[in-house]
């Protein structure tokens, strides 16, 4: 039975597989690049850390775009705002904890 609904579902499945494949390839390339930086000695010291951090941020963007399907379209803005708010709360909690620990360390000296 090949009705219009079946064809639409098949096309949607094909688009989903294509998106997942693109995301997986991009994530694999970024992961290999992050492992290649220290393995090849291409960058050293602070430059290596900055390069790996940049590749990590790009990896997060790839996961948001291709696997979590978050983008800047109006229909997805609520999901994006939820993720950004979560990042804000986690950053405040971790940053505040580190700040308190360093302050306690200074007071103990």
PDB file of N, CA and C in Angstrom:
ATOM      1  N   UNK A   1       0.847  -1.167   0.000  1.00  0.00           N
ATOM      2  CA  UNK A   1       0.000   0.000   0.000  1.00  0.00           C
ATOM      3  C   UNK A   1       0.903   1.245   0.000  1.00  0.00           C
ATOM      4  N   UNK A   2       0.906   1.967  -1.088  1.00  0.00           N
ATOM      5  CA  UNK A   2       1.766   3.147  -1.215  1.00  0.00           C
ATOM      6  C   UNK A   2       0.907   4.386  -1.400  1.00  0.00           C
ATOM      7  N   UNK A   3       0.255   4.767  -0.349  1.00  0.00           N
ATOM      8  CA  UNK A   3      -0.571   5.966  -0.382  1.00  0.00           C
ATOM      9  C   UNK A   3       0.261   7.190  -0.071  1.00  0.00           C
ATOM     10  N   UNK A   4      -0.364   8.358  -0.103  1.00  0.00           N
ATOM     11  CA  UNK A   4       0.365   9.593   0.183  1.00  0.00           C
ATOM     12  C   UNK A   4       0.954   9.614   1.602  1.00  0.00           C
ATOM     13  N   UNK A   5       0.237   9.030   2.542  1.00  0.00           N
ATOM     14  CA  UNK A   5       0.738   9.028   3.918  1.00  0.00           C
ATOM     15  C   UNK A   5       1.996   8.171   4.024  1.00  0.00           C
ATOM     16  N   UNK A   6       2.006   7.053   3.368  1.00  0.00           N
ATOM     17  CA  UNK A   6       3.167   6.171   3.396  1.00  0.00           C
ATOM     18  C   UNK A   6       4.379   6.848   2.761  1.00  0.00           C
ATOM     19  N   UNK A   7       4.162   7.558   1.677  1.00  0.00           N
ATOM     20  CA  UNK A   7       5.255   8.261   1.004  1.00  0.00           C
ATOM     21  C   UNK A   7       5.787   9.399   1.872  1.00  0.00           C
ATOM     22  N   UNK A   8       4.895  10.100   2.559  1.00  0.00           N
ATOM     23  CA  UNK A   8       5.318  11.177   3.457  1.00  0.00           C
ATOM     24  C   UNK A   8       6.149  10.632   4.616  1.00  0.00           C
ATOM     25  N   UNK A   9       5.722   9.513   5.184  1.00  0.00           N
ATOM     26  CA  UNK A   9       6.474   8.900   6.276  1.00  0.00           C
ATOM     27  C   UNK A   9       7.841   8.430   5.793  1.00  0.00           C
ATOM     28  N   UNK A  10       7.873   7.871   4.592  1.00  0.00           N
ATOM     29  CA  UNK A  10       9.142   7.401   4.031  1.00  0.00           C
ATOM     30  C   UNK A  10      10.091   8.583   3.798  1.00  0.00           C
ATOM     31  N   UNK A  11       9.571   9.686   3.295  1.00  0.00           N
ATOM     32  CA  UNK A  11      10.395  10.867   3.049  1.00  0.00           C
ATOM     33  C   UNK A  11      10.900  11.459   4.367  1.00  0.00           C
ATOM     34  N   UNK A  12      10.045  11.502   5.378  1.00  0.00           N
ATOM     35  CA  UNK A  12      10.449  12.012   6.691  1.00  0.00           C
ATOM     36  C   UNK A  12      11.531  11.127   7.307  1.00  0.00           C
ATOM     37  N   UNK A  13      11.393   9.832   7.183  1.00  0.00           N
ATOM     38  CA  UNK A  13      12.407   8.905   7.692  1.00  0.00           C
ATOM     39  C   UNK A  13      13.727   9.097   6.957  1.00  0.00           C
ATOM     40  N   UNK A  14      13.665   9.313   5.654  1.00  0.00           N
ATOM     41  CA  UNK A  14      14.876   9.535   4.864  1.00  0.00           C
ATOM     42  C   UNK A  14      15.571  10.828   5.292  1.00  0.00           C
ATOM     43  N   UNK A  15      14.799  11.886   5.521  1.00  0.00           N
ATOM     44  CA  UNK A  15      15.379  13.154   5.987  1.00  0.00           C
ATOM     45  C   UNK A  15      16.011  13.010   7.372  1.00  0.00           C
ATOM     46  N   UNK A  16      15.346  12.263   8.246  1.00  0.00           N
ATOM     47  CA  UNK A  16      15.874  12.052   9.590  1.00  0.00           C
ATOM     48  C   UNK A  16      17.191  11.270   9.541  1.00  0.00           C
ATOM     49  N   UNK A  17      17.239  10.234   8.742  1.00  0.00           N
ATOM     50  CA  UNK A  17      18.484   9.463   8.601  1.00  0.00           C
ATOM     51  C   UNK A  17      19.603  10.314   8.025  1.00  0.00           C
ATOM     52  N   UNK A  18      19.277  11.143   7.063  1.00  0.00           N
ATOM     53  CA  UNK A  18      20.282  12.022   6.463  1.00  0.00           C
ATOM     54  C   UNK A  18      20.830  12.998   7.500  1.00  0.00           C
ATOM     55  N   UNK A  19      19.943  13.592   8.299  1.00  0.00           N
ATOM     56  CA  UNK A  19      20.370  14.530   9.333  1.00  0.00           C
ATOM     57  C   UNK A  19      21.249  13.836  10.372  1.00  0.00           C
ATOM     58  N   UNK A  20      20.868  12.644  10.793  1.00  0.00           N
ATOM     59  CA  UNK A  20      21.668  11.910  11.769  1.00  0.00           C
ATOM     60  C   UNK A  20      23.028  11.518  11.202  1.00  0.00           C
ATOM     61  N   UNK A  21      23.067  11.166   9.929  1.00  0.00           N
ATOM     62  CA  UNK A  21      24.340  10.814   9.297  1.00  0.00           C
ATOM     63  C   UNK A  21      25.250  12.035   9.213  1.00  0.00           C
ATOM     64  N   UNK A  22      24.703  13.171   8.809  1.00  0.00           N
ATOM     65  CA  UNK A  22      25.508  14.401   8.734  1.00  0.00           C
ATOM     66  C   UNK A  22      26.040  14.751  10.120  1.00  0.00           C
ATOM     67  N   UNK A  23      25.197  14.682  11.130  1.00  0.00           N
ATOM     68  CA  UNK A  23      25.626  14.982  12.490  1.00  0.00           C
ATOM     69  C   UNK A  23      26.687  14.022  12.991  1.00  0.00           C
ATOM     70  N   UNK A  24      26.521  12.735  12.697  1.00  0.00           N
ATOM     71  CA  UNK A  24      27.505  11.748  13.144  1.00  0.00           C
ATOM     72  C   UNK A  24      28.855  11.969  12.483  1.00  0.00           C
ATOM     73  N   UNK A  25      28.851  12.298  11.196  1.00  0.00           N
ATOM     74  CA  UNK A  25      30.111  12.542  10.486  1.00  0.00           C
ATOM     75  C   UNK A  25      30.789  13.791  11.042  1.00  0.00           C
ATOM     76  N   UNK A  26      30.030  14.855  11.259  1.00  0.00           N
ATOM     77  CA  UNK A  26      30.612  16.076  11.819  1.00  0.00           C
ATOM     78  C   UNK A  26      31.156  15.830  13.224  1.00  0.00           C
ATOM     79  N   UNK A  27      30.408  15.106  14.049  1.00  0.00           N
ATOM     80  CA  UNK A  27      30.867  14.817  15.406  1.00  0.00           C
ATOM     81  C   UNK A  27      32.129  13.964  15.378  1.00  0.00           C
ATOM     82  N   UNK A  28      32.190  13.009  14.473  1.00  0.00           N
ATOM     83  CA  UNK A  28      33.375  12.155  14.351  1.00  0.00           C
ATOM     84  C   UNK A  28      34.597  12.964  13.919  1.00  0.00           C
ATOM     85  N   UNK A  29      34.414  13.862  12.981  1.00  0.00           N
ATOM     86  CA  UNK A  29      35.527  14.711  12.517  1.00  0.00           C
ATOM     87  C   UNK A  29      36.031  15.599  13.654  1.00  0.00           C
ATOM     88  N   UNK A  30      35.112  16.209  14.401  1.00  0.00           N
ATOM     89  CA  UNK A  30      35.518  17.076  15.509  1.00  0.00           C
ATOM     90  C   UNK A  30      36.212  16.278  16.613  1.00  0.00           C
ATOM     91  N   UNK A  31      35.724  15.070  16.884  1.00  0.00           N
ATOM     92  CA  UNK A  31      36.354  14.228  17.897  1.00  0.00           C
ATOM     93  C   UNK A  31      37.754  13.827  17.470  1.00  0.00           C
ATOM     94  N   UNK A  32      37.909  13.421  16.227  1.00  0.00           N
ATOM     95  CA  UNK A  32      39.236  13.037  15.725  1.00  0.00           C
ATOM     96  C   UNK A  32      40.190  14.231  15.753  1.00  0.00           C
ATOM     97  N   UNK A  33      39.692  15.407  15.425  1.00  0.00           N
ATOM     98  CA  UNK A  33      40.536  16.605  15.454  1.00  0.00           C
ATOM     99  C   UNK A  33      40.980  16.922  16.878  1.00  0.00           C
ATOM    100  N   UNK A  34      40.078  16.744  17.849  1.00  0.00           N
ATOM    101  CA  UNK A  34      40.438  17.007  19.243  1.00  0.00           C
ATOM    102  C   UNK A  34      41.499  16.020  19.736  1.00  0.00           C
ATOM    103  N   UNK A  35      41.402  14.762  19.317  1.00  0.00           N
ATOM    104  CA  UNK A  35      42.410  13.779  19.696  1.00  0.00           C
ATOM    105  C   UNK A  35      43.715  13.997  18.940  1.00  0.00           C
ATOM    106  N   UNK A  36      43.642  14.560  17.740  1.00  0.00           N
ATOM    107  CA  UNK A  36      44.841  14.764  16.926  1.00  0.00           C
ATOM    108  C   UNK A  36      45.713  15.894  17.453  1.00  0.00           C
ATOM    109  N   UNK A  37      45.121  16.861  18.113  1.00  0.00           N
ATOM    110  CA  UNK A  37      45.915  18.004  18.607  1.00  0.00           C
ATOM    111  C   UNK A  37      47.031  17.543  19.539  1.00  0.00           C
ATOM    112  N   UNK A  38      46.752  16.804  20.600  1.00  0.00           N
ATOM    113  CA  UNK A  38      47.874  16.376  21.451  1.00  0.00           C
ATOM    114  C   UNK A  38      48.683  15.235  20.840  1.00  0.00           C
ATOM    115  N   UNK A  39      48.039  14.398  20.032  1.00  0.00           N
ATOM    116  CA  UNK A  39      48.744  13.248  19.469  1.00  0.00           C
ATOM    117  C   UNK A  39      49.826  13.672  18.475  1.00  0.00           C
ATOM    118  N   UNK A  40      49.544  14.710  17.699  1.00  0.00           N
ATOM    119  CA  UNK A  40      50.508  15.150  16.691  1.00  0.00           C
ATOM    120  C   UNK A  40      51.440  16.230  17.207  1.00  0.00           C
ATOM    121  N   UNK A  41      51.091  16.859  18.318  1.00  0.00           N
ATOM    122  CA  UNK A  41      51.898  17.958  18.828  1.00  0.00           C
ATOM    123  C   UNK A  41      51.776  19.207  17.978  1.00  0.00           C
ATOM    124  N   UNK A  42      50.725  19.282  17.183  1.00  0.00           N
ATOM    125  CA  UNK A  42      50.490  20.429  16.314  1.00  0.00           C
ATOM    126  C   UNK A  42      50.402  21.717  17.129  1.00  0.00           C
ATOM    127  N   UNK A  43      49.679  21.668  18.233  1.00  0.00           N
ATOM    128  CA  UNK A  43      49.579  22.796  19.159  1.00  0.00           C
ATOM    129  C   UNK A  43      50.074  22.326  20.517  1.00  0.00           C
ATOM    130  N   UNK A  44      50.695  23.217  21.253  1.00  0.00           N
ATOM    131  CA  UNK A  44      51.176  22.858  22.587  1.00  0.00           C
ATOM    132  C   UNK A  44      50.744  23.921  23.593  1.00  0.00           C
ATOM    133  N   UNK A  45      50.735  23.526  24.842  1.00  0.00           N
ATOM    134  CA  UNK A  45      50.442  24.453  25.928  1.00  0.00           C
ATOM    135  C   UNK A  45      49.050  25.039  25.877  1.00  0.00           C
ATOM    136  N   UNK A  46      49.002  26.338  26.071  1.00  0.00           N
ATOM    137  CA  UNK A  46      47.723  27.046  26.126  1.00  0.00           C
ATOM    138  C   UNK A  46      46.994  27.013  24.782  1.00  0.00           C
ATOM    139  N   UNK A  47      47.745  27.020  23.694  1.00  0.00           N
ATOM    140  CA  UNK A  47      47.112  26.956  22.368  1.00  0.00           C
ATOM    141  C   UNK A  47      46.397  25.621  22.182  1.00  0.00           C
ATOM    142  N   UNK A  48      46.984  24.545  22.685  1.00  0.00           N
ATOM    143  CA  UNK A  48      46.337  23.231  22.583  1.00  0.00           C
ATOM    144  C   UNK A  48      45.047  23.208  23.398  1.00  0.00           C
ATOM    145  N   UNK A  49      45.098  23.758  24.601  1.00  0.00           N
ATOM    146  CA  UNK A  49      43.885  23.807  25.423  1.00  0.00           C
ATOM    147  C   UNK A  49      42.789  24.639  24.759  1.00  0.00           C
ATOM    148  N   UNK A  50      43.183  25.773  24.192  1.00  0.00           N
ATOM    149  CA  UNK A  50      42.199  26.620  23.508  1.00  0.00           C
ATOM    150  C   UNK A  50      41.628  25.910  22.286  1.00  0.00           C
ATOM    151  N   UNK A  51      42.452  25.217  21.535  1.00  0.00           N
ATOM    152  CA  UNK A  51      41.982  24.483  20.355  1.00  0.00           C
ATOM    153  C   UNK A  51      41.015  23.375  20.728  1.00  0.00           C
ATOM    154  N   UNK A  52      41.352  22.624  21.770  1.00  0.00           N
ATOM    155  CA  UNK A  52      40.472  21.540  22.209  1.00  0.00           C
ATOM    156  C   UNK A  52      39.166  22.110  22.762  1.00  0.00           C
ATOM    157  N   UNK A  53      39.242  23.223  23.490  1.00  0.00           N
ATOM    158  CA  UNK A  53      38.028  23.860  24.018  1.00  0.00           C
ATOM    159  C   UNK A  53      37.136  24.343  22.876  1.00  0.00           C
ATOM    160  N   UNK A  54      37.737  24.936  21.857  1.00  0.00           N
ATOM    161  CA  UNK A  54      36.960  25.392  20.695  1.00  0.00           C
ATOM    162  C   UNK A  54      36.291  24.214  19.988  1.00  0.00           C
ATOM    163  N   UNK A  55      37.033  23.131  19.812  1.00  0.00           N
ATOM    164  CA  UNK A  55      36.444  21.942  19.185  1.00  0.00           C
ATOM    165  C   UNK A  55      35.321  21.369  20.051  1.00  0.00           C
ATOM    166  N   UNK A  56      35.454  21.475  21.379  1.00  0.00           N
ATOM    167  CA  UNK A  56      34.388  21.018  22.273  1.00  0.00           C
ATOM    168  C   UNK A  56      33.121  21.849  22.133  1.00  0.00           C
ATOM    169  N   UNK A  57      33.277  23.158  22.009  1.00  0.00           N
ATOM    170  CA  UNK A  57      32.113  24.038  21.822  1.00  0.00           C
ATOM    171  C   UNK A  57      31.441  23.744  20.474  1.00  0.00           C
ATOM    172  N   UNK A  58      32.251  23.531  19.451  1.00  0.00           N
ATOM    173  CA  UNK A  58      31.684  23.163  18.145  1.00  0.00           C
ATOM    174  C   UNK A  58      30.958  21.823  18.219  1.00  0.00           C
ATOM    175  N   UNK A  59      31.510  20.897  18.990  1.00  0.00           N
ATOM    176  CA  UNK A  59      30.865  19.591  19.177  1.00  0.00           C
ATOM    177  C   UNK A  59      29.493  19.758  19.837  1.00  0.00           C
ATOM    178  N   UNK A  60      29.404  20.641  20.824  1.00  0.00           N
ATOM    179  CA  UNK A  60      28.124  20.911  21.475  1.00  0.00           C
ATOM    180  C   UNK A  60      27.125  21.477  20.461  1.00  0.00           C
ATOM    181  N   UNK A  61      27.587  22.406  19.628  1.00  0.00           N
ATOM    182  CA  UNK A  61      26.705  22.995  18.613  1.00  0.00           C
ATOM    183  C   UNK A  61      26.216  21.940  17.631  1.00  0.00           C
ATOM    184  N   UNK A  62      27.091  21.033  17.226  1.00  0.00           N
ATOM    185  CA  UNK A  62      26.699  19.960  16.309  1.00  0.00           C
ATOM    186  C   UNK A  62      25.650  19.077  16.967  1.00  0.00           C
ATOM    187  N   UNK A  63      25.836  18.732  18.224  1.00  0.00           N
ATOM    188  CA  UNK A  63      24.858  17.877  18.914  1.00  0.00           C
ATOM    189  C   UNK A  63      23.517  18.579  19.061  1.00  0.00           C
ATOM    190  N   UNK A  64      23.550  19.874  19.405  1.00  0.00           N
ATOM    191  CA  UNK A  64      22.298  20.615  19.498  1.00  0.00           C
ATOM    192  C   UNK A  64      21.572  20.646  18.160  1.00  0.00           C
ATOM    193  N   UNK A  65      22.298  20.909  17.093  1.00  0.00           N
ATOM    194  CA  UNK A  65      21.672  21.074  15.778  1.00  0.00           C
ATOM    195  C   UNK A  65      21.162  19.753  15.207  1.00  0.00           C
ATOM    196  N   UNK A  66      22.002  18.736  15.173  1.00  0.00           N
ATOM    197  CA  UNK A  66      21.657  17.529  14.429  1.00  0.00           C
ATOM    198  C   UNK A  66      20.982  16.458  15.270  1.00  0.00           C
ATOM    199  N   UNK A  67      21.297  16.370  16.565  1.00  0.00           N
ATOM    200  CA  UNK A  67      20.732  15.292  17.370  1.00  0.00           C
ATOM    201  C   UNK A  67      19.572  15.758  18.242  1.00  0.00           C
ATOM    202  N   UNK A  68      19.650  16.969  18.780  1.00  0.00           N
ATOM    203  CA  UNK A  68      18.552  17.499  19.580  1.00  0.00           C
ATOM    204  C   UNK A  68      17.594  18.351  18.750  1.00  0.00           C
ATOM    205  N   UNK A  69      17.941  18.603  17.495  1.00  0.00           N
ATOM    206  CA  UNK A  69      17.108  19.350  16.553  1.00  0.00           C
ATOM    207  C   UNK A  69      16.770  20.744  17.066  1.00  0.00           C
ATOM    208  N   UNK A  70      17.744  21.400  17.705  1.00  0.00           N
ATOM    209  CA  UNK A  70      17.549  22.770  18.165  1.00  0.00           C
ATOM    210  C   UNK A  70      18.158  23.719  17.151  1.00  0.00           C
ATOM    211  N   UNK A  71      17.390  24.678  16.713  1.00  0.00           N
ATOM    212  CA  UNK A  71      17.895  25.687  15.800  1.00  0.00           C
ATOM    213  C   UNK A  71      17.212  27.008  16.120  1.00  0.00           C
ATOM    214  N   UNK A  72      17.407  27.990  15.278  1.00  0.00           N
ATOM    215  CA  UNK A  72      16.889  29.322  15.565  1.00  0.00           C
ATOM    216  C   UNK A  72      15.522  29.596  14.940  1.00  0.00           C
ATOM    217  N   UNK A  73      14.888  28.569  14.395  1.00  0.00           N
ATOM    218  CA  UNK A  73      13.541  28.782  13.856  1.00  0.00           C
ATOM    219  C   UNK A  73      12.577  29.114  14.992  1.00  0.00           C
ATOM    220  N   UNK A  74      11.569  29.864  14.669  1.00  0.00           N
ATOM    221  CA  UNK A  74      10.630  30.342  15.673  1.00  0.00           C
ATOM    222  C   UNK A  74       9.962  29.186  16.424  1.00  0.00           C
ATOM    223  N   UNK A  75       9.684  28.080  15.758  1.00  0.00           N
ATOM    224  CA  UNK A  75       8.997  26.968  16.413  1.00  0.00           C
ATOM    225  C   UNK A  75       9.876  26.256  17.431  1.00  0.00           C
ATOM    226  N   UNK A  76      11.181  26.446  17.359  1.00  0.00           N
ATOM    227  CA  UNK A  76      12.100  25.755  18.261  1.00  0.00           C
ATOM    228  C   UNK A  76      12.691  26.691  19.314  1.00  0.00           C
ATOM    229  N   UNK A  77      12.270  27.920  19.336  1.00  0.00           N
ATOM    230  CA  UNK A  77      12.868  28.894  20.250  1.00  0.00           C
ATOM    231  C   UNK A  77      12.643  28.533  21.712  1.00  0.00           C
ATOM    232  N   UNK A  78      11.481  27.952  22.038  1.00  0.00           N
ATOM    233  CA  UNK A  78      11.212  27.594  23.432  1.00  0.00           C
ATOM    234  C   UNK A  78      12.181  26.513  23.895  1.00  0.00           C
ATOM    235  N   UNK A  79      12.462  25.539  23.029  1.00  0.00           N
ATOM    236  CA  UNK A  79      13.426  24.495  23.384  1.00  0.00           C
ATOM    237  C   UNK A  79      14.811  25.097  23.583  1.00  0.00           C
ATOM    238  N   UNK A  80      15.199  26.004  22.702  1.00  0.00           N
ATOM    239  CA  UNK A  80      16.504  26.646  22.807  1.00  0.00           C
ATOM    240  C   UNK A  80      16.589  27.483  24.080  1.00  0.00           C
ATOM    241  N   UNK A  81      15.529  28.195  24.414  1.00  0.00           N
ATOM    242  CA  UNK A  81      15.525  28.989  25.643  1.00  0.00           C
ATOM    243  C   UNK A  81      15.637  28.090  26.873  1.00  0.00           C
ATOM    244  N   UNK A  82      14.996  26.940  26.842  1.00  0.00           N
ATOM    245  CA  UNK A  82      15.089  26.000  27.952  1.00  0.00           C
ATOM    246  C   UNK A  82      16.528  25.510  28.125  1.00  0.00           C
ATOM    247  N   UNK A  83      17.196  25.187  27.035  1.00  0.00           N
ATOM    248  CA  UNK A  83      18.587  24.728  27.102  1.00  0.00           C
ATOM    249  C   UNK A  83      19.487  25.851  27.605  1.00  0.00           C
ATOM    250  N   UNK A  84      19.301  27.063  27.106  1.00  0.00           N
ATOM    251  CA  UNK A  84      20.123  28.180  27.547  1.00  0.00           C
ATOM    252  C   UNK A  84      19.905  28.497  29.024  1.00  0.00           C
ATOM    253  N   UNK A  85      18.673  28.411  29.487  1.00  0.00           N
ATOM    254  CA  UNK A  85      18.403  28.640  30.906  1.00  0.00           C
ATOM    255  C   UNK A  85      19.068  27.568  31.762  1.00  0.00           C
ATOM    256  N   UNK A  86      19.024  26.322  31.303  1.00  0.00           N
ATOM    257  CA  UNK A  86      19.690  25.228  32.020  1.00  0.00           C
ATOM    258  C   UNK A  86      21.186  25.467  32.094  1.00  0.00           C
ATOM    259  N   UNK A  87      21.780  25.899  30.977  1.00  0.00           N
ATOM    260  CA  UNK A  87      23.210  26.205  30.970  1.00  0.00           C
ATOM    261  C   UNK A  87      23.516  27.339  31.944  1.00  0.00           C
ATOM    262  N   UNK A  88      22.675  28.344  31.979  1.00  0.00           N
ATOM    263  CA  UNK A  88      22.866  29.458  32.910  1.00  0.00           C
ATOM    264  C   UNK A  88      22.839  28.988  34.358  1.00  0.00           C
ATOM    265  N   UNK A  89      21.861  28.177  34.715  1.00  0.00           N
ATOM    266  CA  UNK A  89      21.737  27.697  36.089  1.00  0.00           C
ATOM    267  C   UNK A  89      22.941  26.831  36.464  1.00  0.00           C
ATOM    268  N   UNK A  90      23.337  25.921  35.587  1.00  0.00           N
ATOM    269  CA  UNK A  90      24.497  25.062  35.873  1.00  0.00           C
ATOM    270  C   UNK A  90      25.765  25.901  36.003  1.00  0.00           C
ATOM    271  N   UNK A  91      25.931  26.889  35.127  1.00  0.00           N
ATOM    272  CA  UNK A  91      27.102  27.771  35.202  1.00  0.00           C
ATOM    273  C   UNK A  91      27.125  28.533  36.519  1.00  0.00           C
ATOM    274  N   UNK A  92      25.977  29.062  36.943  1.00  0.00           N
ATOM    275  CA  UNK A  92      25.912  29.769  38.218  1.00  0.00           C
ATOM    276  C   UNK A  92      26.242  28.845  39.391  1.00  0.00           C
ATOM    277  N   UNK A  93      25.733  27.628  39.349  1.00  0.00           N
ATOM    278  CA  UNK A  93      25.992  26.698  40.441  1.00  0.00           C
ATOM    279  C   UNK A  93      27.467  26.301  40.498  1.00  0.00           C
ATOM    280  N   UNK A  94      28.038  25.940  39.371  1.00  0.00           N
ATOM    281  CA  UNK A  94      29.444  25.530  39.339  1.00  0.00           C
ATOM    282  C   UNK A  94      30.347  26.716  39.639  1.00  0.00           C
ATOM    283  N   UNK A  95      30.089  27.853  38.997  1.00  0.00           N
ATOM    284  CA  UNK A  95      30.896  29.045  39.241  1.00  0.00           C
ATOM    285  C   UNK A  95      30.815  29.507  40.685  1.00  0.00           C
ATOM    286  N   UNK A  96      29.627  29.502  41.257  1.00  0.00           N
ATOM    287  CA  UNK A  96      29.462  29.885  42.654  1.00  0.00           C
ATOM    288  C   UNK A  96      30.183  28.936  43.596  1.00  0.00           C
ATOM    289  N   UNK A  97      30.114  27.647  43.310  1.00  0.00           N
ATOM    290  CA  UNK A  97      30.816  26.668  44.148  1.00  0.00           C
ATOM    291  C   UNK A  97      32.319  26.865  44.086  1.00  0.00           C
ATOM    292  N   UNK A  98      32.846  27.095  42.898  1.00  0.00           N
ATOM    293  CA  UNK A  98      34.286  27.327  42.750  1.00  0.00           C
ATOM    294  C   UNK A  98      34.683  28.611  43.459  1.00  0.00           C
ATOM    295  N   UNK A  99      33.873  29.644  43.334  1.00  0.00           N
ATOM    296  CA  UNK A  99      34.156  30.918  43.998  1.00  0.00           C
ATOM    297  C   UNK A  99      34.205  30.733  45.525  1.00  0.00           C
ATOM    298  N   UNK A 100      33.225  30.023  46.055  1.00  0.00           N
ATOM    299  CA  UNK A 100      33.183  29.783  47.497  1.00  0.00           C
ATOM    300  C   UNK A 100      34.390  28.962  47.946  1.00  0.00           C
ATOM    301  N   UNK A 101      34.744  27.939  47.190  1.00  0.00           N
ATOM    302  CA  UNK A 101      35.891  27.112  47.568  1.00  0.00           C
ATOM    303  C   UNK A 101      37.189  27.906  47.542  1.00  0.00           C
ATOM    304  N   UNK A 102      37.390  28.753  46.533  1.00  0.00           N
ATOM    305  CA  UNK A 102      38.597  29.574  46.492  1.00  0.00           C
ATOM    306  C   UNK A 102      38.613  30.591  47.628  1.00  0.00           C
ATOM    307  N   UNK A 103      37.443  31.152  47.956  1.00  0.00           N
ATOM    308  CA  UNK A 103      37.373  32.092  49.065  1.00  0.00           C
ATOM    309  C   UNK A 103      37.713  31.391  50.379  1.00  0.00           C
ATOM    310  N   UNK A 104      37.183  30.194  50.586  1.00  0.00           N
ATOM    311  CA  UNK A 104      37.515  29.429  51.786  1.00  0.00           C
ATOM    312  C   UNK A 104      38.995  29.081  51.827  1.00  0.00           C
ATOM    313  N   UNK A 105      39.561  28.749  50.664  1.00  0.00           N
ATOM    314  CA  UNK A 105      40.993  28.443  50.603  1.00  0.00           C
ATOM    315  C   UNK A 105      41.825  29.646  51.013  1.00  0.00           C
ATOM    316  N   UNK A 106      41.461  30.834  50.530  1.00  0.00           N
ATOM    317  CA  UNK A 106      42.181  32.049  50.880  1.00  0.00           C
ATOM    318  C   UNK A 106      42.059  32.348  52.375  1.00  0.00           C
ATOM    319  N   UNK A 107      40.899  32.116  52.959  1.00  0.00           N
ATOM    320  CA  UNK A 107      40.699  32.394  54.378  1.00  0.00           C
ATOM    321  C   UNK A 107      41.468  31.414  55.270  1.00  0.00           C
ATOM    322  N   UNK A 108      41.707  30.227  54.751  1.00  0.00           N
ATOM    323  CA  UNK A 108      42.436  29.215  55.534  1.00  0.00           C
ATOM    324  C   UNK A 108      43.936  29.503  55.559  1.00  0.00           C
ATOM    325  N   UNK A 109      44.418  30.282  54.622  1.00  0.00           N
ATOM    326  CA  UNK A 109      45.857  30.555  54.546  1.00  0.00           C
ATOM    327  C   UNK A 109      46.274  31.558  55.548  1.00  0.00           C
TER     328      UNK A 109
END
